[in-house]
């Protein structure tokens, strides 16, 4: 599940904007998000979350990739393994 919630949004008298938001997204997106320096961020460390709570979070909100890329050379792939789950996901979107 990916979720975004704006907590506060304000503008200074000089027109500078400050927006505070809470994001929920799969951990694999975190590295991409942290690449952009325009964001000031704070995220929970997975080491700081107790095992039972982390297990509950994964059980209640699992990350399931849309597809698995076949082995290929280079950075851009185009061929995916077909699966019943992938077909089901694309039918429900």
PDB file of N, CA and C in Angstrom:
ATOM      1  N   UNK A   1       0.848  -1.175   0.000  1.00  0.00           N
ATOM      2  CA  UNK A   1       0.000   0.000   0.000  1.00  0.00           C
ATOM      3  C   UNK A   1       0.890   1.233   0.000  1.00  0.00           C
ATOM      4  N   UNK A   2       0.528   2.197  -0.806  1.00  0.00           N
ATOM      5  CA  UNK A   2       1.198   3.483  -0.822  1.00  0.00           C
ATOM      6  C   UNK A   2       0.164   4.512  -0.398  1.00  0.00           C
ATOM      7  N   UNK A   3       0.548   5.335   0.594  1.00  0.00           N
ATOM      8  CA  UNK A   3      -0.395   6.304   1.141  1.00  0.00           C
ATOM      9  C   UNK A   3       0.348   7.601   1.435  1.00  0.00           C
ATOM     10  N   UNK A   4      -0.268   8.739   1.187  1.00  0.00           N
ATOM     11  CA  UNK A   4       0.304  10.044   1.504  1.00  0.00           C
ATOM     12  C   UNK A   4      -0.747  10.882   2.208  1.00  0.00           C
ATOM     13  N   UNK A   5      -0.338  11.546   3.277  1.00  0.00           N
ATOM     14  CA  UNK A   5      -1.254  12.401   4.037  1.00  0.00           C
ATOM     15  C   UNK A   5      -0.539  13.709   4.349  1.00  0.00           C
ATOM     16  N   UNK A   6      -1.123  14.843   3.960  1.00  0.00           N
ATOM     17  CA  UNK A   6      -0.539  16.143   4.261  1.00  0.00           C
ATOM     18  C   UNK A   6      -0.969  16.533   5.665  1.00  0.00           C
ATOM     19  N   UNK A   7       0.028  16.825   6.507  1.00  0.00           N
ATOM     20  CA  UNK A   7      -0.217  17.194   7.902  1.00  0.00           C
ATOM     21  C   UNK A   7      -0.346  18.709   8.044  1.00  0.00           C
ATOM     22  N   UNK A   8       0.539  19.456   7.369  1.00  0.00           N
ATOM     23  CA  UNK A   8       0.514  20.915   7.430  1.00  0.00           C
ATOM     24  C   UNK A   8       1.043  21.468   6.112  1.00  0.00           C
ATOM     25  N   UNK A   9       0.517  22.618   5.723  1.00  0.00           N
ATOM     26  CA  UNK A   9       0.959  23.286   4.504  1.00  0.00           C
ATOM     27  C   UNK A   9       0.895  24.785   4.756  1.00  0.00           C
ATOM     28  N   UNK A  10       2.038  25.451   4.713  1.00  0.00           N
ATOM     29  CA  UNK A  10       2.061  26.883   5.005  1.00  0.00           C
ATOM     30  C   UNK A  10       2.998  27.605   4.049  1.00  0.00           C
ATOM     31  N   UNK A  11       2.833  28.921   3.977  1.00  0.00           N
ATOM     32  CA  UNK A  11       3.622  29.750   3.090  1.00  0.00           C
ATOM     33  C   UNK A  11       4.089  30.980   3.876  1.00  0.00           C
ATOM     34  N   UNK A  12       5.358  31.369   3.693  1.00  0.00           N
ATOM     35  CA  UNK A  12       5.876  32.550   4.377  1.00  0.00           C
ATOM     36  C   UNK A  12       5.440  33.805   3.630  1.00  0.00           C
ATOM     37  N   UNK A  13       5.723  34.950   4.218  1.00  0.00           N
ATOM     38  CA  UNK A  13       5.369  36.218   3.569  1.00  0.00           C
ATOM     39  C   UNK A  13       6.190  36.454   2.303  1.00  0.00           C
ATOM     40  N   UNK A  14       7.292  35.700   2.158  1.00  0.00           N
ATOM     41  CA  UNK A  14       8.136  35.810   0.975  1.00  0.00           C
ATOM     42  C   UNK A  14       7.772  34.783  -0.096  1.00  0.00           C
ATOM     43  N   UNK A  15       6.737  34.012   0.153  1.00  0.00           N
ATOM     44  CA  UNK A  15       6.264  33.048  -0.826  1.00  0.00           C
ATOM     45  C   UNK A  15       6.912  31.675  -0.739  1.00  0.00           C
ATOM     46  N   UNK A  16       7.781  31.441   0.263  1.00  0.00           N
ATOM     47  CA  UNK A  16       8.391  30.129   0.422  1.00  0.00           C
ATOM     48  C   UNK A  16       7.393  29.189   1.077  1.00  0.00           C
ATOM     49  N   UNK A  17       7.312  27.991   0.570  1.00  0.00           N
ATOM     50  CA  UNK A  17       6.301  27.035   1.030  1.00  0.00           C
ATOM     51  C   UNK A  17       6.927  25.921   1.853  1.00  0.00           C
ATOM     52  N   UNK A  18       6.225  25.496   2.883  1.00  0.00           N
ATOM     53  CA  UNK A  18       6.637  24.367   3.712  1.00  0.00           C
ATOM     54  C   UNK A  18       5.454  23.425   3.840  1.00  0.00           C
ATOM     55  N   UNK A  19       5.641  22.202   3.358  1.00  0.00           N
ATOM     56  CA  UNK A  19       4.591  21.188   3.414  1.00  0.00           C
ATOM     57  C   UNK A  19       5.110  20.007   4.208  1.00  0.00           C
ATOM     58  N   UNK A  20       4.343  19.589   5.203  1.00  0.00           N
ATOM     59  CA  UNK A  20       4.698  18.436   6.019  1.00  0.00           C
ATOM     60  C   UNK A  20       3.722  17.314   5.700  1.00  0.00           C
ATOM     61  N   UNK A  21       4.263  16.140   5.378  1.00  0.00           N
ATOM     62  CA  UNK A  21       3.395  15.029   5.033  1.00  0.00           C
ATOM     63  C   UNK A  21       3.940  13.725   5.603  1.00  0.00           C
ATOM     64  N   UNK A  22       3.052  12.762   5.732  1.00  0.00           N
ATOM     65  CA  UNK A  22       3.399  11.424   6.190  1.00  0.00           C
ATOM     66  C   UNK A  22       3.189  10.485   5.007  1.00  0.00           C
ATOM     67  N   UNK A  23       4.220   9.702   4.706  1.00  0.00           N
ATOM     68  CA  UNK A  23       4.159   8.763   3.592  1.00  0.00           C
ATOM     69  C   UNK A  23       4.279   7.344   4.103  1.00  0.00           C
ATOM     70  N   UNK A  24       3.536   6.458   3.500  1.00  0.00           N
ATOM     71  CA  UNK A  24       3.653   5.022   3.765  1.00  0.00           C
ATOM     72  C   UNK A  24       3.889   4.362   2.413  1.00  0.00           C
ATOM     73  N   UNK A  25       5.032   3.671   2.290  1.00  0.00           N
ATOM     74  CA  UNK A  25       5.350   2.995   1.042  1.00  0.00           C
ATOM     75  C   UNK A  25       6.277   1.830   1.328  1.00  0.00           C
ATOM     76  N   UNK A  26       6.407   0.889   0.387  1.00  0.00           N
ATOM     77  CA  UNK A  26       7.289  -0.258   0.590  1.00  0.00           C
ATOM     78  C   UNK A  26       8.743   0.187   0.769  1.00  0.00           C
ATOM     79  N   UNK A  27       9.483  -0.550   1.545  1.00  0.00           N
ATOM     80  CA  UNK A  27      10.868  -0.201   1.858  1.00  0.00           C
ATOM     81  C   UNK A  27      11.747  -0.100   0.617  1.00  0.00           C
ATOM     82  N   UNK A  28      11.430  -0.828  -0.441  1.00  0.00           N
ATOM     83  CA  UNK A  28      12.256  -0.779  -1.649  1.00  0.00           C
ATOM     84  C   UNK A  28      12.212   0.595  -2.316  1.00  0.00           C
ATOM     85  N   UNK A  29      11.215   1.404  -2.014  1.00  0.00           N
ATOM     86  CA  UNK A  29      11.115   2.752  -2.573  1.00  0.00           C
ATOM     87  C   UNK A  29      11.944   3.753  -1.764  1.00  0.00           C
ATOM     88  N   UNK A  30      12.270   3.423  -0.526  1.00  0.00           N
ATOM     89  CA  UNK A  30      12.954   4.362   0.372  1.00  0.00           C
ATOM     90  C   UNK A  30      14.273   4.881  -0.197  1.00  0.00           C
ATOM     91  N   UNK A  31      15.086   4.031  -0.779  1.00  0.00           N
ATOM     92  CA  UNK A  31      16.373   4.468  -1.329  1.00  0.00           C
ATOM     93  C   UNK A  31      16.167   5.482  -2.447  1.00  0.00           C
ATOM     94  N   UNK A  32      15.171   5.258  -3.285  1.00  0.00           N
ATOM     95  CA  UNK A  32      14.885   6.209  -4.364  1.00  0.00           C
ATOM     96  C   UNK A  32      14.407   7.539  -3.802  1.00  0.00           C
ATOM     97  N   UNK A  33      13.576   7.489  -2.794  1.00  0.00           N
ATOM     98  CA  UNK A  33      13.056   8.703  -2.166  1.00  0.00           C
ATOM     99  C   UNK A  33      14.187   9.484  -1.502  1.00  0.00           C
ATOM    100  N   UNK A  34      15.091   8.789  -0.829  1.00  0.00           N
ATOM    101  CA  UNK A  34      16.194   9.449  -0.134  1.00  0.00           C
ATOM    102  C   UNK A  34      17.217  10.050  -1.087  1.00  0.00           C
ATOM    103  N   UNK A  35      17.173   9.694  -2.353  1.00  0.00           N
ATOM    104  CA  UNK A  35      18.098  10.234  -3.342  1.00  0.00           C
ATOM    105  C   UNK A  35      17.868  11.729  -3.562  1.00  0.00           C
ATOM    106  N   UNK A  36      16.658  12.181  -3.434  1.00  0.00           N
ATOM    107  CA  UNK A  36      16.321  13.574  -3.715  1.00  0.00           C
ATOM    108  C   UNK A  36      16.580  14.447  -2.501  1.00  0.00           C
ATOM    109  N   UNK A  37      17.489  15.374  -2.612  1.00  0.00           N
ATOM    110  CA  UNK A  37      17.897  16.225  -1.494  1.00  0.00           C
ATOM    111  C   UNK A  37      16.888  17.323  -1.183  1.00  0.00           C
ATOM    112  N   UNK A  38      15.897  17.507  -2.021  1.00  0.00           N
ATOM    113  CA  UNK A  38      14.935  18.568  -1.744  1.00  0.00           C
ATOM    114  C   UNK A  38      14.029  18.214  -0.557  1.00  0.00           C
ATOM    115  N   UNK A  39      14.042  16.949  -0.147  1.00  0.00           N
ATOM    116  CA  UNK A  39      13.209  16.517   0.968  1.00  0.00           C
ATOM    117  C   UNK A  39      14.025  16.434   2.247  1.00  0.00           C
ATOM    118  N   UNK A  40      13.482  16.978   3.320  1.00  0.00           N
ATOM    119  CA  UNK A  40      14.042  16.732   4.635  1.00  0.00           C
ATOM    120  C   UNK A  40      13.221  15.578   5.185  1.00  0.00           C
ATOM    121  N   UNK A  41      13.870  14.557   5.687  1.00  0.00           N
ATOM    122  CA  UNK A  41      13.113  13.351   6.008  1.00  0.00           C
ATOM    123  C   UNK A  41      13.530  12.727   7.335  1.00  0.00           C
ATOM    124  N   UNK A  42      12.628  11.922   7.811  1.00  0.00           N
ATOM    125  CA  UNK A  42      12.854  11.143   9.005  1.00  0.00           C
ATOM    126  C   UNK A  42      12.089   9.843   8.795  1.00  0.00           C
ATOM    127  N   UNK A  43      12.766   8.725   8.938  1.00  0.00           N
ATOM    128  CA  UNK A  43      12.069   7.459   8.730  1.00  0.00           C
ATOM    129  C   UNK A  43      12.393   6.505   9.876  1.00  0.00           C
ATOM    130  N   UNK A  44      11.491   5.574  10.082  1.00  0.00           N
ATOM    131  CA  UNK A  44      11.678   4.586  11.145  1.00  0.00           C
ATOM    132  C   UNK A  44      12.731   3.575  10.721  1.00  0.00           C
ATOM    133  N   UNK A  45      13.610   3.234  11.635  1.00  0.00           N
ATOM    134  CA  UNK A  45      14.595   2.198  11.372  1.00  0.00           C
ATOM    135  C   UNK A  45      13.943   0.840  11.594  1.00  0.00           C
ATOM    136  N   UNK A  46      14.154  -0.078  10.667  1.00  0.00           N
ATOM    137  CA  UNK A  46      13.554  -1.402  10.841  1.00  0.00           C
ATOM    138  C   UNK A  46      14.201  -2.135  12.019  1.00  0.00           C
ATOM    139  N   UNK A  47      15.412  -1.740  12.414  1.00  0.00           N
ATOM    140  CA  UNK A  47      16.038  -2.379  13.575  1.00  0.00           C
ATOM    141  C   UNK A  47      15.405  -1.924  14.882  1.00  0.00           C
ATOM    142  N   UNK A  48      14.770  -0.729  14.865  1.00  0.00           N
ATOM    143  CA  UNK A  48      14.191  -0.192  16.092  1.00  0.00           C
ATOM    144  C   UNK A  48      12.769  -0.692  16.345  1.00  0.00           C
ATOM    145  N   UNK A  49      12.184  -1.384  15.386  1.00  0.00           N
ATOM    146  CA  UNK A  49      10.818  -1.876  15.539  1.00  0.00           C
ATOM    147  C   UNK A  49      10.868  -3.306  16.067  1.00  0.00           C
ATOM    148  N   UNK A  50      10.158  -3.576  17.167  1.00  0.00           N
ATOM    149  CA  UNK A  50      10.151  -4.932  17.718  1.00  0.00           C
ATOM    150  C   UNK A  50       9.659  -5.958  16.691  1.00  0.00           C
ATOM    151  N   UNK A  51      10.199  -7.158  16.791  1.00  0.00           N
ATOM    152  CA  UNK A  51       9.913  -8.214  15.816  1.00  0.00           C
ATOM    153  C   UNK A  51       8.416  -8.471  15.661  1.00  0.00           C
ATOM    154  N   UNK A  52       7.692  -8.587  16.763  1.00  0.00           N
ATOM    155  CA  UNK A  52       6.261  -8.903  16.679  1.00  0.00           C
ATOM    156  C   UNK A  52       5.483  -7.793  15.976  1.00  0.00           C
ATOM    157  N   UNK A  53       5.872  -6.542  16.236  1.00  0.00           N
ATOM    158  CA  UNK A  53       5.199  -5.427  15.578  1.00  0.00           C
ATOM    159  C   UNK A  53       5.526  -5.419  14.079  1.00  0.00           C
ATOM    160  N   UNK A  54       6.789  -5.670  13.725  1.00  0.00           N
ATOM    161  CA  UNK A  54       7.183  -5.715  12.317  1.00  0.00           C
ATOM    162  C   UNK A  54       6.458  -6.858  11.595  1.00  0.00           C
ATOM    163  N   UNK A  55       6.368  -8.005  12.229  1.00  0.00           N
ATOM    164  CA  UNK A  55       5.668  -9.144  11.647  1.00  0.00           C
ATOM    165  C   UNK A  55       4.202  -8.803  11.405  1.00  0.00           C
ATOM    166  N   UNK A  56       3.590  -8.122  12.354  1.00  0.00           N
ATOM    167  CA  UNK A  56       2.196  -7.711  12.215  1.00  0.00           C
ATOM    168  C   UNK A  56       2.033  -6.733  11.053  1.00  0.00           C
ATOM    169  N   UNK A  57       2.979  -5.796  10.909  1.00  0.00           N
ATOM    170  CA  UNK A  57       2.917  -4.831   9.815  1.00  0.00           C
ATOM    171  C   UNK A  57       3.014  -5.528   8.463  1.00  0.00           C
ATOM    172  N   UNK A  58       3.914  -6.490   8.348  1.00  0.00           N
ATOM    173  CA  UNK A  58       4.092  -7.215   7.084  1.00  0.00           C
ATOM    174  C   UNK A  58       2.881  -8.106   6.812  1.00  0.00           C
ATOM    175  N   UNK A  59       2.371  -8.735   7.835  1.00  0.00           N
ATOM    176  CA  UNK A  59       1.220  -9.626   7.667  1.00  0.00           C
ATOM    177  C   UNK A  59      -0.018  -8.842   7.228  1.00  0.00           C
ATOM    178  N   UNK A  60      -0.244  -7.667   7.824  1.00  0.00           N
ATOM    179  CA  UNK A  60      -1.433  -6.869   7.524  1.00  0.00           C
ATOM    180  C   UNK A  60      -1.297  -6.044   6.251  1.00  0.00           C
ATOM    181  N   UNK A  61      -0.065  -5.735   5.841  1.00  0.00           N
ATOM    182  CA  UNK A  61       0.137  -4.884   4.681  1.00  0.00           C
ATOM    183  C   UNK A  61       1.365  -5.365   3.902  1.00  0.00           C
ATOM    184  N   UNK A  62       1.293  -6.536   3.275  1.00  0.00           N
ATOM    185  CA  UNK A  62       2.465  -7.081   2.591  1.00  0.00           C
ATOM    186  C   UNK A  62       2.758  -6.339   1.291  1.00  0.00           C
ATOM    187  N   UNK A  63       4.023  -6.308   0.913  1.00  0.00           N
ATOM    188  CA  UNK A  63       4.411  -5.765  -0.389  1.00  0.00           C
ATOM    189  C   UNK A  63       4.511  -6.924  -1.367  1.00  0.00           C
ATOM    190  N   UNK A  64       3.739  -6.845  -2.449  1.00  0.00           N
ATOM    191  CA  UNK A  64       3.762  -7.884  -3.474  1.00  0.00           C
ATOM    192  C   UNK A  64       4.105  -7.198  -4.790  1.00  0.00           C
ATOM    193  N   UNK A  65       5.270  -7.498  -5.363  1.00  0.00           N
ATOM    194  CA  UNK A  65       5.635  -6.854  -6.629  1.00  0.00           C
ATOM    195  C   UNK A  65       4.657  -7.202  -7.739  1.00  0.00           C
ATOM    196  N   UNK A  66       4.482  -6.286  -8.661  1.00  0.00           N
ATOM    197  CA  UNK A  66       3.569  -6.509  -9.783  1.00  0.00           C
ATOM    198  C   UNK A  66       4.109  -7.599 -10.697  1.00  0.00           C
ATOM    199  N   UNK A  67       5.416  -7.666 -10.843  1.00  0.00           N
ATOM    200  CA  UNK A  67       5.995  -8.672 -11.726  1.00  0.00           C
ATOM    201  C   UNK A  67       7.450  -8.925 -11.415  1.00  0.00           C
ATOM    202  N   UNK A  68       7.949 -10.029 -11.920  1.00  0.00           N
ATOM    203  CA  UNK A  68       9.357 -10.398 -11.757  1.00  0.00           C
ATOM    204  C   UNK A  68      10.018 -10.340 -13.126  1.00  0.00           C
ATOM    205  N   UNK A  69      11.101  -9.576 -13.213  1.00  0.00           N
ATOM    206  CA  UNK A  69      11.823  -9.408 -14.469  1.00  0.00           C
ATOM    207  C   UNK A  69      12.672 -10.640 -14.754  1.00  0.00           C
ATOM    208  N   UNK A  70      12.687 -11.057 -16.015  1.00  0.00           N
ATOM    209  CA  UNK A  70      13.557 -12.156 -16.425  1.00  0.00           C
ATOM    210  C   UNK A  70      14.994 -11.650 -16.475  1.00  0.00           C
ATOM    211  N   UNK A  71      15.949 -12.580 -16.423  1.00  0.00           N
ATOM    212  CA  UNK A  71      17.363 -12.224 -16.483  1.00  0.00           C
ATOM    213  C   UNK A  71      17.673 -11.583 -17.832  1.00  0.00           C
ATOM    214  N   UNK A  72      18.414 -10.471 -17.787  1.00  0.00           N
ATOM    215  CA  UNK A  72      18.763  -9.758 -19.002  1.00  0.00           C
ATOM    216  C   UNK A  72      20.046  -8.971 -18.769  1.00  0.00           C
ATOM    217  N   UNK A  73      20.670  -8.531 -19.844  1.00  0.00           N
ATOM    218  CA  UNK A  73      21.854  -7.690 -19.704  1.00  0.00           C
ATOM    219  C   UNK A  73      21.411  -6.228 -19.723  1.00  0.00           C
ATOM    220  N   UNK A  74      22.184  -5.377 -19.105  1.00  0.00           N
ATOM    221  CA  UNK A  74      21.864  -3.952 -19.079  1.00  0.00           C
ATOM    222  C   UNK A  74      20.940  -3.601 -17.931  1.00  0.00           C
ATOM    223  N   UNK A  75      20.576  -2.318 -17.865  1.00  0.00           N
ATOM    224  CA  UNK A  75      19.769  -1.823 -16.752  1.00  0.00           C
ATOM    225  C   UNK A  75      18.273  -1.786 -17.057  1.00  0.00           C
ATOM    226  N   UNK A  76      17.900  -1.828 -18.319  1.00  0.00           N
ATOM    227  CA  UNK A  76      16.496  -1.754 -18.678  1.00  0.00           C
ATOM    228  C   UNK A  76      16.023  -3.092 -19.227  1.00  0.00           C
ATOM    229  N   UNK A  77      15.130  -3.719 -18.501  1.00  0.00           N
ATOM    230  CA  UNK A  77      14.563  -4.969 -18.985  1.00  0.00           C
ATOM    231  C   UNK A  77      13.194  -4.729 -19.579  1.00  0.00           C
ATOM    232  N   UNK A  78      12.688  -5.696 -20.299  1.00  0.00           N
ATOM    233  CA  UNK A  78      11.362  -5.554 -20.909  1.00  0.00           C
ATOM    234  C   UNK A  78      10.561  -6.843 -20.836  1.00  0.00           C
ATOM    235  N   UNK A  79      11.174  -7.920 -20.396  1.00  0.00           N
ATOM    236  CA  UNK A  79      10.492  -9.203 -20.411  1.00  0.00           C
ATOM    237  C   UNK A  79      10.238  -9.673 -18.978  1.00  0.00           C
ATOM    238  N   UNK A  80       8.973  -9.993 -18.692  1.00  0.00           N
ATOM    239  CA  UNK A  80       8.569 -10.422 -17.359  1.00  0.00           C
ATOM    240  C   UNK A  80       8.130 -11.882 -17.369  1.00  0.00           C
ATOM    241  N   UNK A  81       8.286 -12.530 -16.232  1.00  0.00           N
ATOM    242  CA  UNK A  81       7.687 -13.850 -16.057  1.00  0.00           C
ATOM    243  C   UNK A  81       6.189 -13.667 -15.939  1.00  0.00           C
ATOM    244  N   UNK A  82       5.437 -14.503 -16.581  1.00  0.00           N
ATOM    245  CA  UNK A  82       3.985 -14.457 -16.484  1.00  0.00           C
ATOM    246  C   UNK A  82       3.547 -15.347 -15.322  1.00  0.00           C
ATOM    247  N   UNK A  83       2.576 -14.867 -14.582  1.00  0.00           N
ATOM    248  CA  UNK A  83       2.059 -15.658 -13.468  1.00  0.00           C
ATOM    249  C   UNK A  83       0.575 -15.373 -13.308  1.00  0.00           C
ATOM    250  N   UNK A  84      -0.160 -16.292 -12.709  1.00  0.00           N
ATOM    251  CA  UNK A  84      -1.585 -16.049 -12.464  1.00  0.00           C
ATOM    252  C   UNK A  84      -1.804 -14.826 -11.576  1.00  0.00           C
ATOM    253  N   UNK A  85      -0.919 -14.594 -10.605  1.00  0.00           N
ATOM    254  CA  UNK A  85      -1.068 -13.455  -9.704  1.00  0.00           C
ATOM    255  C   UNK A  85      -0.931 -12.143 -10.472  1.00  0.00           C
ATOM    256  N   UNK A  86       0.051 -12.051 -11.365  1.00  0.00           N
ATOM    257  CA  UNK A  86       0.260 -10.837 -12.152  1.00  0.00           C
ATOM    258  C   UNK A  86      -0.952 -10.568 -13.040  1.00  0.00           C
ATOM    259  N   UNK A  87      -1.489 -11.590 -13.656  1.00  0.00           N
ATOM    260  CA  UNK A  87      -2.669 -11.427 -14.487  1.00  0.00           C
ATOM    261  C   UNK A  87      -3.850 -10.932 -13.657  1.00  0.00           C
ATOM    262  N   UNK A  88      -3.994 -11.456 -12.458  1.00  0.00           N
ATOM    263  CA  UNK A  88      -5.088 -11.040 -11.567  1.00  0.00           C
ATOM    264  C   UNK A  88      -4.929  -9.579 -11.181  1.00  0.00           C
ATOM    265  N   UNK A  89      -3.710  -9.163 -10.848  1.00  0.00           N
ATOM    266  CA  UNK A  89      -3.473  -7.778 -10.425  1.00  0.00           C
ATOM    267  C   UNK A  89      -3.800  -6.816 -11.563  1.00  0.00           C
ATOM    268  N   UNK A  90      -3.361  -7.121 -12.790  1.00  0.00           N
ATOM    269  CA  UNK A  90      -3.629  -6.221 -13.895  1.00  0.00           C
ATOM    270  C   UNK A  90      -5.102  -6.181 -14.258  1.00  0.00           C
ATOM    271  N   UNK A  91      -5.839  -7.261 -14.036  1.00  0.00           N
ATOM    272  CA  UNK A  91      -7.281  -7.245 -14.298  1.00  0.00           C
ATOM    273  C   UNK A  91      -8.014  -6.383 -13.289  1.00  0.00           C
ATOM    274  N   UNK A  92      -7.503  -6.289 -12.050  1.00  0.00           N
ATOM    275  CA  UNK A  92      -8.209  -5.540 -11.010  1.00  0.00           C
ATOM    276  C   UNK A  92      -7.841  -4.073 -10.998  1.00  0.00           C
ATOM    277  N   UNK A  93      -6.806  -3.648 -11.752  1.00  0.00           N
ATOM    278  CA  UNK A  93      -6.421  -2.229 -11.764  1.00  0.00           C
ATOM    279  C   UNK A  93      -7.340  -1.416 -12.639  1.00  0.00           C
TER     280      UNK A  93
END
